[in-house]
Amino acid sequence: MSKYQIVCTSNFLLEETQQLANFTQEIQLVTDINQVENLNNMPYLLIDERGLSIRCNLFTPIYIQDIYARIITLRQNLEQELLIQALKIKNKPRDEVIILDLTAGLAKDAILIAKYGYNITMVEQNPMLATIIYYAIQKNYMPNNAKIIFMNSLDYLRENDKNLTVDAIYLDPMFKHKKSAKAKKDMQLIQLIHEIENYNTDEILLFEQAMKTQTNRVVVKRDNKQQAIVSKPTPSFNKQGKTVRYDVYTHCL
């Protein structure tokens, strides 16, 4: 039985809920909230007339539409976003640029990239997070130039290393350094999932594999207190803010 579950509150929503469960085939559909197992600290999904939400005893419900509405509302001048500046591909129309995000999470960064006009492909190995992003795309909470792949990122690179051509690869391994009781609910969810799964993907190995890909640049998000992800090669340049920076590597392959 899957450790993740999605609850359907109405027969009218059953078909939609089944579609969500089928996306990864690793989330169990239940039709009675009383059937949800391991309620202690285990997050689960629930769909009702308002939409899909994340439920957990540790925090009040988070509706998916609210997560992405805040991002769209708060981030308007995208040219000023450090992430966009780090990823920017010159001399190519925006709608032809392809960005690969190997650490999708809840796709907060990906939605900015997509809104800017770049095509963004996200890879996410957690079935709950991948389903949330899939739902957001289906509901047009994200631009239609975004897509999600449910898979381990390192496996994805290794399986596609000879035929994968993208303009830039983005990595945000910062979740390992964000443990905080004061974190927002959606970040608490990310922390909780990584505690549950105990993912052990080596971020350095992922970076090294990304650097072997046919791409113009690899961009790595870092806390300003952190050193570069590896000692060599050194970043070609970086875009630094008050708390985070984006290390940009243009000497790939």
Protein backbone atom coordinates (compact mmCIF):
# COMPACT_ATOMS: atom_id res chain seq x y z
CA MET A 1 0.00 0.00 0.00
CA SER A 2 1.25 3.49 -0.87
CA LYS A 3 2.38 5.70 1.97
CA TYR A 4 0.71 8.67 0.23
CA GLN A 5 -3.05 9.04 -0.11
CA ILE A 6 -5.54 11.31 -1.83
CA VAL A 7 -9.05 11.72 -0.43
CA CYS A 8 -12.05 12.36 -2.69
CA THR A 9 -14.95 14.11 -0.93
CA SER A 10 -17.58 13.74 -3.65
CA ASN A 11 -18.59 11.31 -6.39
CA PHE A 12 -18.60 14.27 -8.78
CA LEU A 13 -14.86 14.64 -8.16
CA LEU A 14 -14.02 10.95 -8.38
CA GLU A 15 -12.87 10.96 -12.01
CA GLU A 16 -10.58 13.95 -11.45
CA THR A 17 -9.17 12.39 -8.28
CA GLN A 18 -8.51 9.12 -10.08
CA GLN A 19 -6.62 11.00 -12.77
CA LEU A 20 -4.40 12.58 -10.13
CA ALA A 21 -3.78 9.24 -8.45
CA ASN A 22 -2.89 7.69 -11.80
CA PHE A 23 -0.24 10.27 -12.64
CA THR A 24 2.45 8.65 -10.49
CA GLN A 25 0.55 5.45 -9.64
CA GLU A 26 2.07 5.79 -6.19
CA ILE A 27 -0.78 7.58 -4.43
CA GLN A 28 -3.74 5.63 -3.10
CA LEU A 29 -7.24 7.00 -3.72
CA VAL A 30 -9.66 6.80 -0.76
CA THR A 31 -13.25 8.01 -0.61
CA ASP A 32 -13.64 8.24 3.15
CA ILE A 33 -11.49 10.49 5.31
CA ASN A 34 -11.73 7.86 8.03
CA GLN A 35 -9.82 5.50 5.76
CA VAL A 36 -6.74 7.71 5.77
CA GLU A 37 -4.05 5.85 7.64
CA ASN A 38 -1.10 7.08 9.69
CA LEU A 39 -2.60 10.47 10.37
CA ASN A 40 -0.06 11.39 13.04
CA ASN A 41 2.33 13.53 11.00
CA MET A 42 1.83 12.07 7.55
CA PRO A 43 0.72 14.53 4.87
CA TYR A 44 -2.02 13.58 2.43
CA LEU A 45 -3.99 15.21 -0.38
CA LEU A 46 -7.70 16.01 -0.32
CA ILE A 47 -9.87 17.31 -3.14
CA ASP A 48 -13.16 19.11 -2.49
CA GLU A 49 -15.29 21.75 -4.20
CA ARG A 50 -12.57 24.36 -3.62
CA GLY A 51 -9.86 22.22 -5.19
CA LEU A 52 -6.84 20.18 -4.16
CA SER A 53 -5.29 20.78 -0.77
CA ILE A 54 -2.45 19.43 1.34
CA ARG A 55 -3.50 18.16 4.76
CA CYS A 56 -1.38 17.32 7.78
CA ASN A 57 -1.81 17.43 11.54
CA LEU A 58 1.21 19.74 11.76
CA PHE A 59 -0.43 22.67 9.94
CA THR A 60 -3.74 23.96 8.64
CA PRO A 61 -4.78 22.96 5.08
CA ILE A 62 -2.85 24.44 2.16
CA TYR A 63 -4.86 24.88 -1.04
CA ILE A 64 -2.77 24.50 -4.16
CA GLN A 65 -4.37 27.45 -5.92
CA ASP A 66 -3.30 29.71 -3.03
CA ILE A 67 0.35 28.67 -3.33
CA TYR A 68 0.61 29.68 -6.96
CA ALA A 69 -1.67 32.72 -6.71
CA ARG A 70 0.75 34.28 -4.23
CA ILE A 71 3.71 33.71 -6.53
CA ILE A 72 1.94 35.22 -9.54
CA THR A 73 0.76 38.22 -7.51
CA LEU A 74 4.02 39.01 -5.73
CA ARG A 75 6.43 38.51 -8.61
CA GLN A 76 5.69 40.94 -11.42
CA ASN A 77 8.96 42.51 -12.61
CA LEU A 78 10.66 39.30 -13.65
CA GLU A 79 13.60 41.03 -15.32
CA GLN A 80 14.71 42.02 -11.81
CA GLU A 81 14.59 38.45 -10.49
CA LEU A 82 18.12 37.15 -9.84
CA LEU A 83 17.06 33.68 -10.98
CA ILE A 84 15.95 35.01 -14.35
CA GLN A 85 19.19 36.98 -14.70
CA ALA A 86 21.21 33.85 -13.92
CA LEU A 87 19.30 31.72 -16.43
CA LYS A 88 18.97 34.33 -19.15
CA ILE A 89 19.77 33.06 -22.61
CA LYS A 90 20.64 35.81 -25.06
CA ASN A 91 20.14 35.84 -28.81
CA LYS A 92 17.29 33.35 -28.70
CA PRO A 93 13.51 33.94 -28.54
CA ARG A 94 12.09 33.20 -25.11
CA ASP A 95 9.56 30.70 -26.40
CA GLU A 96 12.40 28.63 -27.89
CA VAL A 97 14.46 28.46 -24.69
CA ILE A 98 14.25 25.18 -22.73
CA ILE A 99 15.13 25.06 -19.03
CA LEU A 100 15.45 21.81 -17.07
CA ASP A 101 14.69 22.06 -13.33
CA LEU A 102 16.06 18.99 -11.57
CA THR A 103 14.85 19.93 -8.08
CA ALA A 104 11.24 20.94 -8.65
CA GLY A 105 9.85 20.82 -5.09
CA LEU A 106 6.62 22.82 -5.27
CA ALA A 107 7.76 24.52 -8.50
CA LYS A 108 7.98 28.02 -7.03
CA ASP A 109 11.07 28.85 -9.07
CA ALA A 110 9.77 27.02 -12.12
CA ILE A 111 6.62 29.12 -12.24
CA LEU A 112 8.72 32.30 -12.46
CA ILE A 113 10.75 30.79 -15.27
CA ALA A 114 7.61 29.76 -17.13
CA LYS A 115 5.97 33.12 -16.55
CA TYR A 116 9.03 34.80 -18.04
CA GLY A 117 8.34 32.85 -21.22
CA TYR A 118 10.88 30.04 -21.10
CA ASN A 119 9.81 26.44 -21.56
CA ILE A 120 10.43 24.65 -18.28
CA THR A 121 10.62 20.90 -17.70
CA MET A 122 10.61 19.87 -14.04
CA VAL A 123 11.80 16.55 -12.68
CA GLU A 124 10.51 15.50 -9.25
CA GLN A 125 10.92 12.12 -7.57
CA ASN A 126 8.37 12.52 -4.77
CA PRO A 127 4.88 11.36 -5.84
CA MET A 128 3.02 13.90 -3.70
CA LEU A 129 5.02 16.88 -4.94
CA ALA A 130 4.89 15.66 -8.55
CA THR A 131 1.10 15.26 -8.30
CA ILE A 132 0.69 18.75 -6.87
CA ILE A 133 2.64 20.24 -9.78
CA TYR A 134 0.71 18.12 -12.29
CA TYR A 135 -2.55 19.40 -10.80
CA ALA A 136 -1.33 23.01 -10.94
CA ILE A 137 -0.48 22.65 -14.61
CA GLN A 138 -3.83 21.00 -15.41
CA LYS A 139 -5.68 23.83 -13.66
CA ASN A 140 -3.61 26.53 -15.41
CA TYR A 141 -2.16 27.78 -12.13
CA MET A 142 1.10 27.58 -14.03
CA PRO A 143 1.68 28.73 -17.62
CA ASN A 144 1.18 26.06 -20.30
CA ASN A 145 4.90 26.12 -21.17
CA ALA A 146 5.63 24.05 -18.04
CA LYS A 147 5.62 20.27 -17.72
CA ILE A 148 6.44 17.79 -14.97
CA ILE A 149 8.21 14.43 -15.11
CA PHE A 150 7.90 12.03 -12.20
CA MET A 151 11.35 10.51 -11.85
CA ASN A 152 14.62 10.62 -9.94
CA SER A 153 16.68 13.46 -11.43
CA LEU A 154 19.96 11.60 -11.56
CA ASP A 155 18.31 8.65 -13.28
CA TYR A 156 16.66 11.05 -15.73
CA LEU A 157 20.00 12.60 -16.70
CA ARG A 158 21.71 9.25 -17.04
CA GLU A 159 18.94 7.80 -19.20
CA ASN A 160 18.81 10.84 -21.48
CA ASP A 161 22.43 11.96 -21.54
CA LYS A 162 22.90 11.30 -25.26
CA ASN A 163 19.71 12.90 -26.57
CA LEU A 164 18.96 15.61 -24.02
CA THR A 165 19.51 19.13 -25.32
CA VAL A 166 18.45 22.04 -23.10
CA ASP A 167 19.57 25.64 -22.83
CA ALA A 168 20.11 25.59 -19.06
CA ILE A 169 19.85 23.26 -16.09
CA TYR A 170 18.73 24.53 -12.70
CA LEU A 171 19.54 22.98 -9.32
CA ASP A 172 18.25 24.05 -5.92
CA PRO A 173 19.66 21.66 -3.30
CA MET A 174 18.96 24.17 -0.52
CA PHE A 175 16.26 22.09 1.18
CA LYS A 176 19.02 20.37 3.16
CA HIS A 177 19.81 23.68 4.84
CA LYS A 178 16.33 25.10 5.46
CA LYS A 179 15.30 23.30 8.63
CA SER A 180 13.30 25.81 10.67
CA ALA A 181 10.28 25.69 12.97
CA LYS A 182 9.30 29.12 11.67
CA ALA A 183 9.26 28.09 8.03
CA LYS A 184 6.10 28.69 6.01
CA LYS A 185 3.65 25.82 5.75
CA ASP A 186 4.64 24.87 2.22
CA MET A 187 8.31 24.77 3.21
CA GLN A 188 7.42 22.70 6.27
CA LEU A 189 5.83 20.24 3.84
CA ILE A 190 9.06 20.00 1.83
CA GLN A 191 11.03 19.43 5.03
CA LEU A 192 8.59 16.80 6.23
CA ILE A 193 8.63 14.89 2.93
CA HIS A 194 12.41 14.75 2.87
CA GLU A 195 12.41 13.48 6.44
CA ILE A 196 9.88 10.79 5.50
CA GLU A 197 11.71 9.71 2.37
CA ASN A 198 15.28 10.25 3.58
CA TYR A 199 16.41 10.94 0.03
CA ASN A 200 20.10 10.33 -0.45
CA THR A 201 20.72 11.67 -3.96
CA ASP A 202 24.21 13.15 -3.93
CA GLU A 203 23.90 16.80 -4.96
CA ILE A 204 27.52 16.87 -6.15
CA LEU A 205 26.97 13.79 -8.31
CA LEU A 206 23.82 15.39 -9.73
CA PHE A 207 25.74 18.58 -10.50
CA GLU A 208 28.57 16.68 -12.18
CA GLN A 209 26.10 14.75 -14.31
CA ALA A 210 24.34 17.99 -15.25
CA MET A 211 27.66 19.48 -16.36
CA LYS A 212 28.07 16.60 -18.83
CA THR A 213 24.76 17.43 -20.52
CA GLN A 214 24.43 19.29 -23.81
CA THR A 215 23.57 22.64 -22.23
CA ASN A 216 24.72 26.25 -22.28
CA ARG A 217 24.81 26.63 -18.52
CA VAL A 218 24.14 25.05 -15.16
CA VAL A 219 22.74 27.30 -12.43
CA VAL A 220 22.97 26.32 -8.76
CA LYS A 221 21.10 28.11 -5.98
CA ARG A 222 23.12 28.57 -2.80
CA ASP A 223 22.75 30.24 0.55
CA ASN A 224 25.20 33.15 0.74
CA LYS A 225 26.90 31.44 3.70
CA GLN A 226 27.59 28.34 1.62
CA GLN A 227 30.59 27.72 -0.57
CA ALA A 228 30.13 26.71 -4.19
CA ILE A 229 28.75 23.23 -4.67
CA VAL A 230 32.21 22.00 -5.76
CA SER A 231 35.68 23.51 -5.50
CA LYS A 232 36.39 23.02 -9.21
CA PRO A 233 35.28 24.19 -11.64
CA THR A 234 34.57 27.59 -10.19
CA PRO A 235 31.42 29.46 -11.26
CA SER A 236 31.73 31.60 -14.37
CA PHE A 237 29.81 34.28 -12.48
CA ASN A 238 27.05 34.62 -9.92
CA LYS A 239 23.99 36.69 -9.14
CA GLN A 240 23.87 37.47 -5.45
CA GLY A 241 21.06 38.80 -3.28
CA LYS A 242 20.78 39.49 0.44
CA THR A 243 20.46 35.85 1.50
CA VAL A 244 20.91 33.67 -1.59
CA ARG A 245 22.94 33.63 -4.74
CA TYR A 246 22.90 31.80 -8.05
CA ASP A 247 26.22 30.32 -9.19
CA VAL A 248 26.35 30.11 -12.98
CA TYR A 249 28.56 27.63 -14.82
CA THR A 250 28.92 28.19 -18.54
CA HIS A 251 31.92 25.87 -19.10
CA CYS A 252 29.90 22.69 -19.40
CA LEU A 253 30.98 19.43 -21.04
